[in-house]
Amino acid sequence: MKKTSMLFLLGALCIGMLPATASAVEYKIGAVNAVRILEQSPQAAQMRKQIEKEFSPRDQQLVAQQKKLKKDQDRLSKDSAIMSDSERKKLERDIIDERRELKRGQDEFREDLTFRRNEELAKIQKEIIQAIQVVAKENNFDLVLSDGVIFASPKVDITQLVIDHLDKTSGTKGKSGQGKK
């Protein structure tokens, strides 16, 4: 029993003598909220405006098609009793064709919009990653975390620094024409 106690005490003393410097190393860690950056960056706002401008005419065309379809459906339900059989059948065929064309147009619009948005988001995400790296290097961070962070105290949250950096770079890119397609 004495031998076991003595070995335990000797082992504890050896562990206590290990250099303390191994555990004294400090790392500077930061965290970013990528969703907030996408919502608040000037590049994302510019992208939204650009896509809205690009797709607005098609959206207005689809709205006009919907109004015409609704008008024809209302006419059919209101006047079908006083229409001739051939006139009613023609209007019913027209409504079916209009529905089909509207659905096809909406599907194409949605696919094109999604494709275009994803294309622009990829560009912005690349720019955001570069901005995070620049901010991390300028502020001597050893590690910056993004996705999967459930909580980050304001002390380590560098999201606003990244947004500010993107804000600065958006002004120079807009003037040089590099930020535009």
Protein backbone atom coordinates (compact mmCIF):
# COMPACT_ATOMS: atom_id res chain seq x y z
CA MET A 1 0.00 0.00 0.00
CA LYS A 2 2.84 2.37 0.86
CA LYS A 3 4.50 1.67 -2.48
CA THR A 4 1.32 2.52 -4.41
CA SER A 5 0.87 5.78 -2.52
CA MET A 6 4.50 6.69 -3.05
CA LEU A 7 4.29 6.01 -6.82
CA PHE A 8 1.11 8.07 -7.08
CA LEU A 9 2.74 11.00 -5.25
CA LEU A 10 5.87 10.75 -7.42
CA GLY A 11 3.72 10.72 -10.61
CA ALA A 12 1.76 13.76 -9.44
CA LEU A 13 5.00 15.66 -8.76
CA CYS A 14 6.36 14.82 -12.23
CA ILE A 15 3.20 16.03 -13.91
CA GLY A 16 3.36 19.23 -11.87
CA MET A 17 6.89 19.89 -13.13
CA LEU A 18 5.94 19.80 -16.81
CA PRO A 19 6.52 23.13 -18.53
CA ALA A 20 3.61 25.51 -18.06
CA THR A 21 4.23 27.15 -21.42
CA ALA A 22 2.40 24.41 -23.33
CA SER A 23 -0.91 25.42 -21.79
CA ALA A 24 -0.21 29.17 -21.69
CA VAL A 25 -0.40 29.70 -25.46
CA GLU A 26 -3.25 32.05 -26.32
CA TYR A 27 -5.06 32.07 -29.61
CA LYS A 28 -7.14 34.88 -31.02
CA ILE A 29 -10.41 33.40 -32.26
CA GLY A 30 -13.17 35.19 -34.15
CA ALA A 31 -16.56 34.23 -35.47
CA VAL A 32 -18.62 35.60 -38.35
CA ASN A 33 -22.30 35.37 -39.10
CA ALA A 34 -22.38 34.67 -42.85
CA VAL A 35 -26.14 35.14 -43.09
CA ARG A 36 -25.90 38.62 -41.57
CA ILE A 37 -23.08 39.50 -43.94
CA LEU A 38 -25.18 38.41 -46.92
CA GLU A 39 -28.11 40.45 -45.67
CA GLN A 40 -26.16 43.61 -44.86
CA SER A 41 -23.32 43.77 -47.36
CA PRO A 42 -23.58 46.42 -50.06
CA GLN A 43 -22.67 43.79 -52.65
CA ALA A 44 -25.74 41.73 -51.76
CA ALA A 45 -27.98 44.80 -51.88
CA GLN A 46 -26.57 45.69 -55.29
CA MET A 47 -27.15 42.12 -56.47
CA ARG A 48 -30.78 42.21 -55.34
CA LYS A 49 -31.38 45.50 -57.18
CA GLN A 50 -29.66 44.23 -60.31
CA ILE A 51 -31.66 40.99 -60.39
CA GLU A 52 -34.91 42.82 -59.68
CA LYS A 53 -34.20 45.21 -62.56
CA GLU A 54 -33.24 42.33 -64.84
CA PHE A 55 -36.33 40.23 -64.09
CA SER A 56 -38.90 42.99 -63.61
CA PRO A 57 -40.11 43.06 -67.26
CA ARG A 58 -40.74 39.30 -67.25
CA ASP A 59 -42.52 39.55 -63.91
CA GLN A 60 -44.77 42.31 -65.24
CA GLN A 61 -45.52 40.20 -68.30
CA LEU A 62 -46.57 37.28 -66.09
CA VAL A 63 -48.81 39.57 -64.04
CA ALA A 64 -50.45 40.80 -67.25
CA GLN A 65 -51.02 37.18 -68.34
CA GLN A 66 -52.61 36.40 -64.96
CA LYS A 67 -54.94 39.39 -65.28
CA LYS A 68 -56.01 38.37 -68.78
CA LEU A 69 -56.65 34.81 -67.63
CA LYS A 70 -58.71 36.06 -64.68
CA LYS A 71 -60.66 38.39 -66.97
CA ASP A 72 -61.43 35.54 -69.39
CA GLN A 73 -62.43 33.21 -66.52
CA ASP A 74 -64.75 35.88 -65.11
CA ARG A 75 -66.25 36.43 -68.55
CA LEU A 76 -66.83 32.69 -68.97
CA SER A 77 -68.52 32.32 -65.60
CA LYS A 78 -70.61 35.48 -66.06
CA ASP A 79 -71.60 35.18 -69.74
CA SER A 80 -71.51 31.42 -70.44
CA ALA A 81 -75.32 31.19 -70.29
CA ILE A 82 -75.78 33.78 -73.04
CA MET A 83 -72.86 32.66 -75.25
CA SER A 84 -73.26 30.46 -78.25
CA ASP A 85 -71.93 26.93 -77.88
CA SER A 86 -69.00 27.49 -80.26
CA GLU A 87 -68.11 30.82 -78.60
CA ARG A 88 -68.15 29.20 -75.13
CA LYS A 89 -65.99 26.25 -76.32
CA LYS A 90 -63.51 28.61 -77.95
CA LEU A 91 -63.24 30.67 -74.75
CA GLU A 92 -62.77 27.49 -72.68
CA ARG A 93 -59.94 26.36 -75.02
CA ASP A 94 -58.38 29.81 -74.81
CA ILE A 95 -58.49 29.69 -71.02
CA ILE A 96 -56.84 26.24 -70.99
CA ASP A 97 -54.12 27.50 -73.36
CA GLU A 98 -53.61 30.66 -71.26
CA ARG A 99 -53.28 28.58 -68.06
CA ARG A 100 -50.76 26.29 -69.71
CA GLU A 101 -48.75 29.20 -71.10
CA LEU A 102 -48.85 31.03 -67.77
CA LYS A 103 -47.65 27.97 -65.85
CA ARG A 104 -44.84 27.39 -68.36
CA GLY A 105 -43.83 31.04 -68.11
CA GLN A 106 -43.89 30.98 -64.30
CA ASP A 107 -41.79 27.81 -64.18
CA GLU A 108 -39.21 29.23 -66.60
CA PHE A 109 -39.16 32.52 -64.70
CA ARG A 110 -38.59 30.75 -61.38
CA GLU A 111 -35.81 28.54 -62.82
CA ASP A 112 -34.06 31.47 -64.51
CA LEU A 113 -34.35 33.62 -61.39
CA THR A 114 -32.95 30.86 -59.17
CA PHE A 115 -30.10 30.16 -61.58
CA ARG A 116 -29.21 33.86 -61.85
CA ARG A 117 -29.43 34.42 -58.09
CA ASN A 118 -27.18 31.40 -57.41
CA GLU A 119 -24.70 32.64 -59.99
CA GLU A 120 -24.46 36.05 -58.31
CA LEU A 121 -24.41 34.57 -54.80
CA ALA A 122 -21.39 32.46 -55.73
CA LYS A 123 -19.53 35.62 -56.74
CA ILE A 124 -20.51 37.41 -53.54
CA GLN A 125 -19.60 34.43 -51.36
CA LYS A 126 -16.14 34.36 -52.91
CA GLU A 127 -15.77 38.07 -52.17
CA ILE A 128 -17.00 37.57 -48.60
CA ILE A 129 -14.48 34.79 -47.98
CA GLN A 130 -11.69 37.03 -49.26
CA ALA A 131 -12.92 39.85 -47.01
CA ILE A 132 -12.98 37.55 -43.97
CA GLN A 133 -9.42 36.47 -44.71
CA VAL A 134 -8.24 40.07 -45.08
CA VAL A 135 -9.95 41.17 -41.85
CA ALA A 136 -8.57 38.13 -39.99
CA LYS A 137 -5.00 38.85 -41.15
CA GLU A 138 -5.25 42.59 -40.45
CA ASN A 139 -6.50 41.90 -36.91
CA ASN A 140 -4.11 38.98 -36.20
CA PHE A 141 -6.75 36.29 -35.74
CA ASP A 142 -5.48 32.73 -35.50
CA LEU A 143 -8.84 31.15 -36.25
CA VAL A 144 -12.14 32.44 -37.66
CA LEU A 145 -15.26 30.29 -37.47
CA SER A 146 -18.40 30.67 -39.53
CA ASP A 147 -20.97 27.95 -40.18
CA GLY A 148 -21.88 25.76 -37.27
CA VAL A 149 -21.28 28.40 -34.62
CA ILE A 150 -24.25 28.34 -32.30
CA PHE A 151 -23.11 31.26 -30.16
CA ALA A 152 -20.35 33.82 -30.38
CA SER A 153 -19.94 36.58 -27.83
CA PRO A 154 -19.56 40.13 -29.14
CA LYS A 155 -15.93 39.91 -28.06
CA VAL A 156 -15.14 37.39 -30.82
CA ASP A 157 -17.82 38.34 -33.39
CA ILE A 158 -16.05 40.06 -36.30
CA THR A 159 -19.09 40.16 -38.58
CA GLN A 160 -19.35 43.95 -38.50
CA LEU A 161 -15.64 44.30 -39.32
CA VAL A 162 -16.18 42.16 -42.41
CA ILE A 163 -19.29 44.15 -43.44
CA ASP A 164 -17.32 47.40 -42.99
CA HIS A 165 -14.49 45.98 -45.14
CA LEU A 166 -16.97 44.94 -47.84
CA ASP A 167 -18.53 48.40 -47.67
CA LYS A 168 -15.13 50.00 -48.29
CA THR A 169 -14.28 47.67 -51.16
CA SER A 170 -17.68 48.05 -52.82
CA GLY A 171 -17.01 51.75 -53.41
CA THR A 172 -13.71 51.08 -55.18
CA LYS A 173 -15.06 48.15 -57.20
CA GLY A 174 -18.07 50.12 -58.38
CA LYS A 175 -15.80 52.90 -59.67
CA SER A 176 -13.39 50.59 -61.45
CA GLY A 177 -16.15 48.51 -63.03
CA GLN A 178 -14.82 45.24 -61.64
CA GLY A 179 -17.87 44.61 -59.47
CA LYS A 180 -20.23 44.58 -62.46
CA LYS A 181 -20.89 41.89 -65.00
